[in-house]
Amino acid sequence: MADFKIEKGIEMPASHRAMRRYPFADMEVGDSFAVPVNDGEDDMTVRSAAWDYGRRHGMKFTGRLLRDEGVLRVWRVA
């Protein structure tokens, strides 16, 4: 049997594709980004990814669907 060192306290990186797709990790409070929501992007996918990333990393995000611009804008609020 191989000997493996057991290590504690090492955070597992996010594996969800959407979390890697959006710049949540680079955002500071007050920053935002816009995601086109016409054919290709579902606004609930982005909102769900923001909520999940925030929950895992102690951050809070909010999003507003700006229909006249055809985008969902996501802000980091905490």
PDB file of N, CA and C in Angstrom:
ATOM      1  N   MET A   1       0.846  -1.182   0.000  1.00  0.00           N
ATOM      2  CA  MET A   1       0.000   0.000   0.000  1.00  0.00           C
ATOM      3  C   MET A   1       0.892   1.246   0.000  1.00  0.00           C
ATOM      4  N   ALA A   2       0.550   2.208  -0.808  1.00  0.00           N
ATOM      5  CA  ALA A   2       1.329   3.448  -0.932  1.00  0.00           C
ATOM      6  C   ALA A   2       1.124   4.322   0.299  1.00  0.00           C
ATOM      7  N   ASP A   3       2.145   5.070   0.628  1.00  0.00           N
ATOM      8  CA  ASP A   3       2.043   6.013   1.743  1.00  0.00           C
ATOM      9  C   ASP A   3       1.659   7.388   1.207  1.00  0.00           C
ATOM     10  N   PHE A   4       0.573   7.922   1.726  1.00  0.00           N
ATOM     11  CA  PHE A   4       0.107   9.247   1.337  1.00  0.00           C
ATOM     12  C   PHE A   4       0.044  10.123   2.568  1.00  0.00           C
ATOM     13  N   LYS A   5       0.466  11.352   2.436  1.00  0.00           N
ATOM     14  CA  LYS A   5       0.409  12.301   3.540  1.00  0.00           C
ATOM     15  C   LYS A   5      -0.994  12.921   3.571  1.00  0.00           C
ATOM     16  N   ILE A   6      -1.653  12.836   4.699  1.00  0.00           N
ATOM     17  CA  ILE A   6      -2.964  13.452   4.869  1.00  0.00           C
ATOM     18  C   ILE A   6      -2.764  14.897   5.279  1.00  0.00           C
ATOM     19  N   GLU A   7      -3.398  15.808   4.541  1.00  0.00           N
ATOM     20  CA  GLU A   7      -3.263  17.238   4.807  1.00  0.00           C
ATOM     21  C   GLU A   7      -4.619  17.828   5.138  1.00  0.00           C
ATOM     22  N   LYS A   8      -4.649  18.726   6.094  1.00  0.00           N
ATOM     23  CA  LYS A   8      -5.890  19.363   6.525  1.00  0.00           C
ATOM     24  C   LYS A   8      -5.886  20.839   6.135  1.00  0.00           C
ATOM     25  N   GLY A   9      -7.084  21.400   5.963  1.00  0.00           N
ATOM     26  CA  GLY A   9      -7.233  22.827   5.751  1.00  0.00           C
ATOM     27  C   GLY A   9      -6.883  23.322   4.359  1.00  0.00           C
ATOM     28  N   ILE A  10      -6.824  22.441   3.387  1.00  0.00           N
ATOM     29  CA  ILE A  10      -6.544  22.874   2.016  1.00  0.00           C
ATOM     30  C   ILE A  10      -7.881  22.998   1.298  1.00  0.00           C
ATOM     31  N   GLU A  11      -8.181  24.224   0.845  1.00  0.00           N
ATOM     32  CA  GLU A  11      -9.465  24.497   0.204  1.00  0.00           C
ATOM     33  C   GLU A  11      -9.528  23.844  -1.172  1.00  0.00           C
ATOM     34  N   MET A  12     -10.642  23.192  -1.440  1.00  0.00           N
ATOM     35  CA  MET A  12     -10.834  22.565  -2.727  1.00  0.00           C
ATOM     36  C   MET A  12     -11.270  23.618  -3.741  1.00  0.00           C
ATOM     37  N   PRO A  13     -10.641  23.689  -4.900  1.00  0.00           N
ATOM     38  CA  PRO A  13     -11.038  24.674  -5.904  1.00  0.00           C
ATOM     39  C   PRO A  13     -12.418  24.353  -6.460  1.00  0.00           C
ATOM     40  N   ALA A  14     -13.123  25.391  -6.855  1.00  0.00           N
ATOM     41  CA  ALA A  14     -14.450  25.207  -7.434  1.00  0.00           C
ATOM     42  C   ALA A  14     -14.330  24.413  -8.726  1.00  0.00           C
ATOM     43  N   SER A  15     -15.250  23.513  -8.947  1.00  0.00           N
ATOM     44  CA  SER A  15     -15.192  22.700 -10.151  1.00  0.00           C
ATOM     45  C   SER A  15     -16.324  23.017 -11.107  1.00  0.00           C
ATOM     46  N   HIS A  16     -17.267  23.803 -10.681  1.00  0.00           N
ATOM     47  CA  HIS A  16     -18.416  24.119 -11.515  1.00  0.00           C
ATOM     48  C   HIS A  16     -17.969  24.998 -12.677  1.00  0.00           C
ATOM     49  N   ARG A  17     -18.302  24.615 -13.875  1.00  0.00           N
ATOM     50  CA  ARG A  17     -17.883  25.318 -15.087  1.00  0.00           C
ATOM     51  C   ARG A  17     -18.284  26.787 -15.071  1.00  0.00           C
ATOM     52  N   ALA A  18     -19.496  27.093 -14.625  1.00  0.00           N
ATOM     53  CA  ALA A  18     -19.972  28.470 -14.622  1.00  0.00           C
ATOM     54  C   ALA A  18     -19.161  29.346 -13.675  1.00  0.00           C
ATOM     55  N   MET A  19     -18.722  28.786 -12.557  1.00  0.00           N
ATOM     56  CA  MET A  19     -17.945  29.591 -11.607  1.00  0.00           C
ATOM     57  C   MET A  19     -16.598  29.982 -12.193  1.00  0.00           C
ATOM     58  N   ARG A  20     -16.030  29.138 -13.038  1.00  0.00           N
ATOM     59  CA  ARG A  20     -14.767  29.473 -13.676  1.00  0.00           C
ATOM     60  C   ARG A  20     -14.977  30.418 -14.844  1.00  0.00           C
ATOM     61  N   ARG A  21     -16.161  30.456 -15.363  1.00  0.00           N
ATOM     62  CA  ARG A  21     -16.465  31.268 -16.541  1.00  0.00           C
ATOM     63  C   ARG A  21     -16.599  32.746 -16.201  1.00  0.00           C
ATOM     64  N   TYR A  22     -17.093  33.052 -15.032  1.00  0.00           N
ATOM     65  CA  TYR A  22     -17.356  34.431 -14.634  1.00  0.00           C
ATOM     66  C   TYR A  22     -16.273  34.922 -13.676  1.00  0.00           C
ATOM     67  N   PRO A  23     -16.022  36.236 -13.638  1.00  0.00           N
ATOM     68  CA  PRO A  23     -14.871  36.771 -12.882  1.00  0.00           C
ATOM     69  C   PRO A  23     -15.137  37.029 -11.400  1.00  0.00           C
ATOM     70  N   PHE A  24     -15.903  36.173 -10.735  1.00  0.00           N
ATOM     71  CA  PHE A  24     -16.251  36.410  -9.333  1.00  0.00           C
ATOM     72  C   PHE A  24     -15.024  36.597  -8.445  1.00  0.00           C
ATOM     73  N   ALA A  25     -14.000  35.779  -8.639  1.00  0.00           N
ATOM     74  CA  ALA A  25     -12.818  35.807  -7.772  1.00  0.00           C
ATOM     75  C   ALA A  25     -12.047  37.116  -7.875  1.00  0.00           C
ATOM     76  N   ASP A  26     -12.156  37.806  -8.992  1.00  0.00           N
ATOM     77  CA  ASP A  26     -11.405  39.039  -9.217  1.00  0.00           C
ATOM     78  C   ASP A  26     -12.164  40.291  -8.795  1.00  0.00           C
ATOM     79  N   MET A  27     -13.395  40.131  -8.347  1.00  0.00           N
ATOM     80  CA  MET A  27     -14.243  41.284  -8.066  1.00  0.00           C
ATOM     81  C   MET A  27     -14.066  41.806  -6.647  1.00  0.00           C
ATOM     82  N   GLU A  28     -14.121  43.126  -6.524  1.00  0.00           N
ATOM     83  CA  GLU A  28     -14.168  43.792  -5.227  1.00  0.00           C
ATOM     84  C   GLU A  28     -15.576  44.345  -5.044  1.00  0.00           C
ATOM     85  N   VAL A  29     -15.924  44.683  -3.812  1.00  0.00           N
ATOM     86  CA  VAL A  29     -17.247  45.237  -3.536  1.00  0.00           C
ATOM     87  C   VAL A  29     -17.444  46.480  -4.407  1.00  0.00           C
ATOM     88  N   GLY A  30     -18.580  46.542  -5.089  1.00  0.00           N
ATOM     89  CA  GLY A  30     -18.898  47.650  -5.984  1.00  0.00           C
ATOM     90  C   GLY A  30     -18.611  47.362  -7.446  1.00  0.00           C
ATOM     91  N   ASP A  31     -17.809  46.327  -7.738  1.00  0.00           N
ATOM     92  CA  ASP A  31     -17.512  45.958  -9.124  1.00  0.00           C
ATOM     93  C   ASP A  31     -18.712  45.245  -9.732  1.00  0.00           C
ATOM     94  N   SER A  32     -18.814  45.313 -11.056  1.00  0.00           N
ATOM     95  CA  SER A  32     -19.882  44.601 -11.759  1.00  0.00           C
ATOM     96  C   SER A  32     -19.385  44.141 -13.118  1.00  0.00           C
ATOM     97  N   PHE A  33     -20.143  43.217 -13.699  1.00  0.00           N
ATOM     98  CA  PHE A  33     -19.899  42.798 -15.079  1.00  0.00           C
ATOM     99  C   PHE A  33     -21.240  42.492 -15.717  1.00  0.00           C
ATOM    100  N   ALA A  34     -21.278  42.571 -17.048  1.00  0.00           N
ATOM    101  CA  ALA A  34     -22.516  42.343 -17.787  1.00  0.00           C
ATOM    102  C   ALA A  34     -22.393  41.076 -18.617  1.00  0.00           C
ATOM    103  N   VAL A  35     -23.489  40.304 -18.651  1.00  0.00           N
ATOM    104  CA  VAL A  35     -23.540  39.066 -19.422  1.00  0.00           C
ATOM    105  C   VAL A  35     -24.699  39.175 -20.405  1.00  0.00           C
ATOM    106  N   PRO A  36     -24.436  39.059 -21.713  1.00  0.00           N
ATOM    107  CA  PRO A  36     -25.547  39.067 -22.680  1.00  0.00           C
ATOM    108  C   PRO A  36     -26.493  37.906 -22.387  1.00  0.00           C
ATOM    109  N   VAL A  37     -27.788  38.181 -22.433  1.00  0.00           N
ATOM    110  CA  VAL A  37     -28.757  37.126 -22.114  1.00  0.00           C
ATOM    111  C   VAL A  37     -29.703  36.845 -23.276  1.00  0.00           C
ATOM    112  N   ASN A  38     -29.325  37.260 -24.453  1.00  0.00           N
ATOM    113  CA  ASN A  38     -30.184  36.922 -25.590  1.00  0.00           C
ATOM    114  C   ASN A  38     -30.177  35.418 -25.786  1.00  0.00           C
ATOM    115  N   ASP A  39     -29.857  34.894 -26.910  1.00  0.00           N
ATOM    116  CA  ASP A  39     -29.997  33.462 -27.171  1.00  0.00           C
ATOM    117  C   ASP A  39     -29.124  32.571 -26.290  1.00  0.00           C
ATOM    118  N   GLY A  40     -27.871  32.936 -26.096  1.00  0.00           N
ATOM    119  CA  GLY A  40     -26.907  32.010 -25.527  1.00  0.00           C
ATOM    120  C   GLY A  40     -26.901  31.845 -24.024  1.00  0.00           C
ATOM    121  N   GLU A  41     -27.342  32.815 -23.251  1.00  0.00           N
ATOM    122  CA  GLU A  41     -27.118  32.764 -21.805  1.00  0.00           C
ATOM    123  C   GLU A  41     -28.436  32.874 -21.049  1.00  0.00           C
ATOM    124  N   ASP A  42     -28.622  32.002 -20.092  1.00  0.00           N
ATOM    125  CA  ASP A  42     -29.797  32.033 -19.235  1.00  0.00           C
ATOM    126  C   ASP A  42     -29.440  32.843 -17.989  1.00  0.00           C
ATOM    127  N   ASP A  43     -30.205  33.885 -17.686  1.00  0.00           N
ATOM    128  CA  ASP A  43     -29.860  34.736 -16.541  1.00  0.00           C
ATOM    129  C   ASP A  43     -29.879  33.962 -15.232  1.00  0.00           C
ATOM    130  N   MET A  44     -30.694  32.920 -15.113  1.00  0.00           N
ATOM    131  CA  MET A  44     -30.723  32.144 -13.870  1.00  0.00           C
ATOM    132  C   MET A  44     -29.446  31.316 -13.699  1.00  0.00           C
ATOM    133  N   THR A  45     -28.800  30.936 -14.771  1.00  0.00           N
ATOM    134  CA  THR A  45     -27.530  30.219 -14.681  1.00  0.00           C
ATOM    135  C   THR A  45     -26.479  31.122 -14.050  1.00  0.00           C
ATOM    136  N   VAL A  46     -26.435  32.373 -14.496  1.00  0.00           N
ATOM    137  CA  VAL A  46     -25.463  33.331 -13.968  1.00  0.00           C
ATOM    138  C   VAL A  46     -25.778  33.643 -12.506  1.00  0.00           C
ATOM    139  N   ARG A  47     -27.042  33.899 -12.198  1.00  0.00           N
ATOM    140  CA  ARG A  47     -27.445  34.209 -10.822  1.00  0.00           C
ATOM    141  C   ARG A  47     -27.117  33.044  -9.885  1.00  0.00           C
ATOM    142  N   SER A  48     -27.386  31.845 -10.344  1.00  0.00           N
ATOM    143  CA  SER A  48     -27.126  30.663  -9.527  1.00  0.00           C
ATOM    144  C   SER A  48     -25.624  30.486  -9.291  1.00  0.00           C
ATOM    145  N   ALA A  49     -24.831  30.712 -10.332  1.00  0.00           N
ATOM    146  CA  ALA A  49     -23.375  30.609 -10.183  1.00  0.00           C
ATOM    147  C   ALA A  49     -22.861  31.662  -9.206  1.00  0.00           C
ATOM    148  N   ALA A  50     -23.404  32.882  -9.281  1.00  0.00           N
ATOM    149  CA  ALA A  50     -22.984  33.954  -8.369  1.00  0.00           C
ATOM    150  C   ALA A  50     -23.350  33.603  -6.929  1.00  0.00           C
ATOM    151  N   TRP A  51     -24.545  33.118  -6.716  1.00  0.00           N
ATOM    152  CA  TRP A  51     -24.983  32.756  -5.366  1.00  0.00           C
ATOM    153  C   TRP A  51     -24.098  31.647  -4.803  1.00  0.00           C
ATOM    154  N   ASP A  52     -23.846  30.627  -5.620  1.00  0.00           N
ATOM    155  CA  ASP A  52     -23.059  29.494  -5.150  1.00  0.00           C
ATOM    156  C   ASP A  52     -21.617  29.906  -4.866  1.00  0.00           C
ATOM    157  N   TYR A  53     -21.023  30.699  -5.744  1.00  0.00           N
ATOM    158  CA  TYR A  53     -19.655  31.158  -5.512  1.00  0.00           C
ATOM    159  C   TYR A  53     -19.597  32.004  -4.246  1.00  0.00           C
ATOM    160  N   GLY A  54     -20.556  32.899  -4.093  1.00  0.00           N
ATOM    161  CA  GLY A  54     -20.597  33.750  -2.913  1.00  0.00           C
ATOM    162  C   GLY A  54     -20.741  32.960  -1.630  1.00  0.00           C
ATOM    163  N   ARG A  55     -21.582  31.954  -1.648  1.00  0.00           N
ATOM    164  CA  ARG A  55     -21.794  31.105  -0.472  1.00  0.00           C
ATOM    165  C   ARG A  55     -20.503  30.389  -0.089  1.00  0.00           C
ATOM    166  N   ARG A  56     -19.786  29.913  -1.060  1.00  0.00           N
ATOM    167  CA  ARG A  56     -18.556  29.168  -0.800  1.00  0.00           C
ATOM    168  C   ARG A  56     -17.391  30.052  -0.361  1.00  0.00           C
ATOM    169  N   HIS A  57     -17.425  31.334  -0.751  1.00  0.00           N
ATOM    170  CA  HIS A  57     -16.277  32.210  -0.515  1.00  0.00           C
ATOM    171  C   HIS A  57     -16.589  33.427   0.350  1.00  0.00           C
ATOM    172  N   GLY A  58     -17.755  33.446   0.999  1.00  0.00           N
ATOM    173  CA  GLY A  58     -18.092  34.533   1.904  1.00  0.00           C
ATOM    174  C   GLY A  58     -18.321  35.866   1.203  1.00  0.00           C
ATOM    175  N   MET A  59     -18.867  35.833  -0.004  1.00  0.00           N
ATOM    176  CA  MET A  59     -19.157  37.048  -0.762  1.00  0.00           C
ATOM    177  C   MET A  59     -20.647  37.092  -1.066  1.00  0.00           C
ATOM    178  N   LYS A  60     -21.131  38.277  -1.429  1.00  0.00           N
ATOM    179  CA  LYS A  60     -22.526  38.410  -1.833  1.00  0.00           C
ATOM    180  C   LYS A  60     -22.578  39.153  -3.160  1.00  0.00           C
ATOM    181  N   PHE A  61     -23.476  38.673  -4.016  1.00  0.00           N
ATOM    182  CA  PHE A  61     -23.665  39.254  -5.338  1.00  0.00           C
ATOM    183  C   PHE A  61     -25.149  39.528  -5.553  1.00  0.00           C
ATOM    184  N   THR A  62     -25.438  40.474  -6.419  1.00  0.00           N
ATOM    185  CA  THR A  62     -26.809  40.695  -6.838  1.00  0.00           C
ATOM    186  C   THR A  62     -26.801  40.944  -8.335  1.00  0.00           C
ATOM    187  N   GLY A  63     -27.897  40.632  -8.982  1.00  0.00           N
ATOM    188  CA  GLY A  63     -27.982  40.810 -10.430  1.00  0.00           C
ATOM    189  C   GLY A  63     -29.257  41.512 -10.815  1.00  0.00           C
ATOM    190  N   ARG A  64     -29.182  42.276 -11.876  1.00  0.00           N
ATOM    191  CA  ARG A  64     -30.353  42.959 -12.418  1.00  0.00           C
ATOM    192  C   ARG A  64     -30.413  42.693 -13.910  1.00  0.00           C
ATOM    193  N   LEU A  65     -31.565  42.253 -14.365  1.00  0.00           N
ATOM    194  CA  LEU A  65     -31.779  42.028 -15.785  1.00  0.00           C
ATOM    195  C   LEU A  65     -32.128  43.363 -16.425  1.00  0.00           C
ATOM    196  N   LEU A  66     -31.282  43.829 -17.319  1.00  0.00           N
ATOM    197  CA  LEU A  66     -31.494  45.098 -18.015  1.00  0.00           C
ATOM    198  C   LEU A  66     -31.984  44.768 -19.424  1.00  0.00           C
ATOM    199  N   ARG A  67     -33.294  44.610 -19.537  1.00  0.00           N
ATOM    200  CA  ARG A  67     -33.885  44.144 -20.788  1.00  0.00           C
ATOM    201  C   ARG A  67     -33.585  45.075 -21.962  1.00  0.00           C
ATOM    202  N   ASP A  68     -33.611  46.381 -21.718  1.00  0.00           N
ATOM    203  CA  ASP A  68     -33.359  47.319 -22.808  1.00  0.00           C
ATOM    204  C   ASP A  68     -31.937  47.191 -23.362  1.00  0.00           C
ATOM    205  N   GLU A  69     -31.010  46.707 -22.555  1.00  0.00           N
ATOM    206  CA  GLU A  69     -29.630  46.500 -22.999  1.00  0.00           C
ATOM    207  C   GLU A  69     -29.368  45.038 -23.376  1.00  0.00           C
ATOM    208  N   GLY A  70     -30.290  44.145 -23.021  1.00  0.00           N
ATOM    209  CA  GLY A  70     -30.122  42.725 -23.325  1.00  0.00           C
ATOM    210  C   GLY A  70     -29.045  42.045 -22.504  1.00  0.00           C
ATOM    211  N   VAL A  71     -28.831  42.544 -21.263  1.00  0.00           N
ATOM    212  CA  VAL A  71     -27.785  41.971 -20.409  1.00  0.00           C
ATOM    213  C   VAL A  71     -28.304  41.745 -18.995  1.00  0.00           C
ATOM    214  N   LEU A  72     -27.623  40.861 -18.302  1.00  0.00           N
ATOM    215  CA  LEU A  72     -27.769  40.724 -16.866  1.00  0.00           C
ATOM    216  C   LEU A  72     -26.502  41.324 -16.283  1.00  0.00           C
ATOM    217  N   ARG A  73     -26.645  42.332 -15.437  1.00  0.00           N
ATOM    218  CA  ARG A  73     -25.478  42.935 -14.787  1.00  0.00           C
ATOM    219  C   ARG A  73     -25.406  42.376 -13.369  1.00  0.00           C
ATOM    220  N   VAL A  74     -24.218  41.892 -12.990  1.00  0.00           N
ATOM    221  CA  VAL A  74     -23.985  41.281 -11.680  1.00  0.00           C
ATOM    222  C   VAL A  74     -23.017  42.162 -10.914  1.00  0.00           C
ATOM    223  N   TRP A  75     -23.402  42.541  -9.681  1.00  0.00           N
ATOM    224  CA  TRP A  75     -22.551  43.357  -8.796  1.00  0.00           C
ATOM    225  C   TRP A  75     -22.120  42.533  -7.600  1.00  0.00           C
ATOM    226  N   ARG A  76     -20.911  42.772  -7.143  1.00  0.00           N
ATOM    227  CA  ARG A  76     -20.505  42.232  -5.849  1.00  0.00           C
ATOM    228  C   ARG A  76     -20.896  43.275  -4.806  1.00  0.00           C
ATOM    229  N   VAL A  77     -21.733  42.860  -3.844  1.00  0.00           N
ATOM    230  CA  VAL A  77     -22.247  43.801  -2.839  1.00  0.00           C
ATOM    231  C   VAL A  77     -21.650  43.597  -1.450  1.00  0.00           C
ATOM    232  N   ALA A  78     -20.977  42.500  -1.208  1.00  0.00           N
ATOM    233  CA  ALA A  78     -20.326  42.258   0.097  1.00  0.00           C
ATOM    234  C   ALA A  78     -19.285  41.182  -0.043  1.00  0.00           C
TER     235      ALA A  78
END
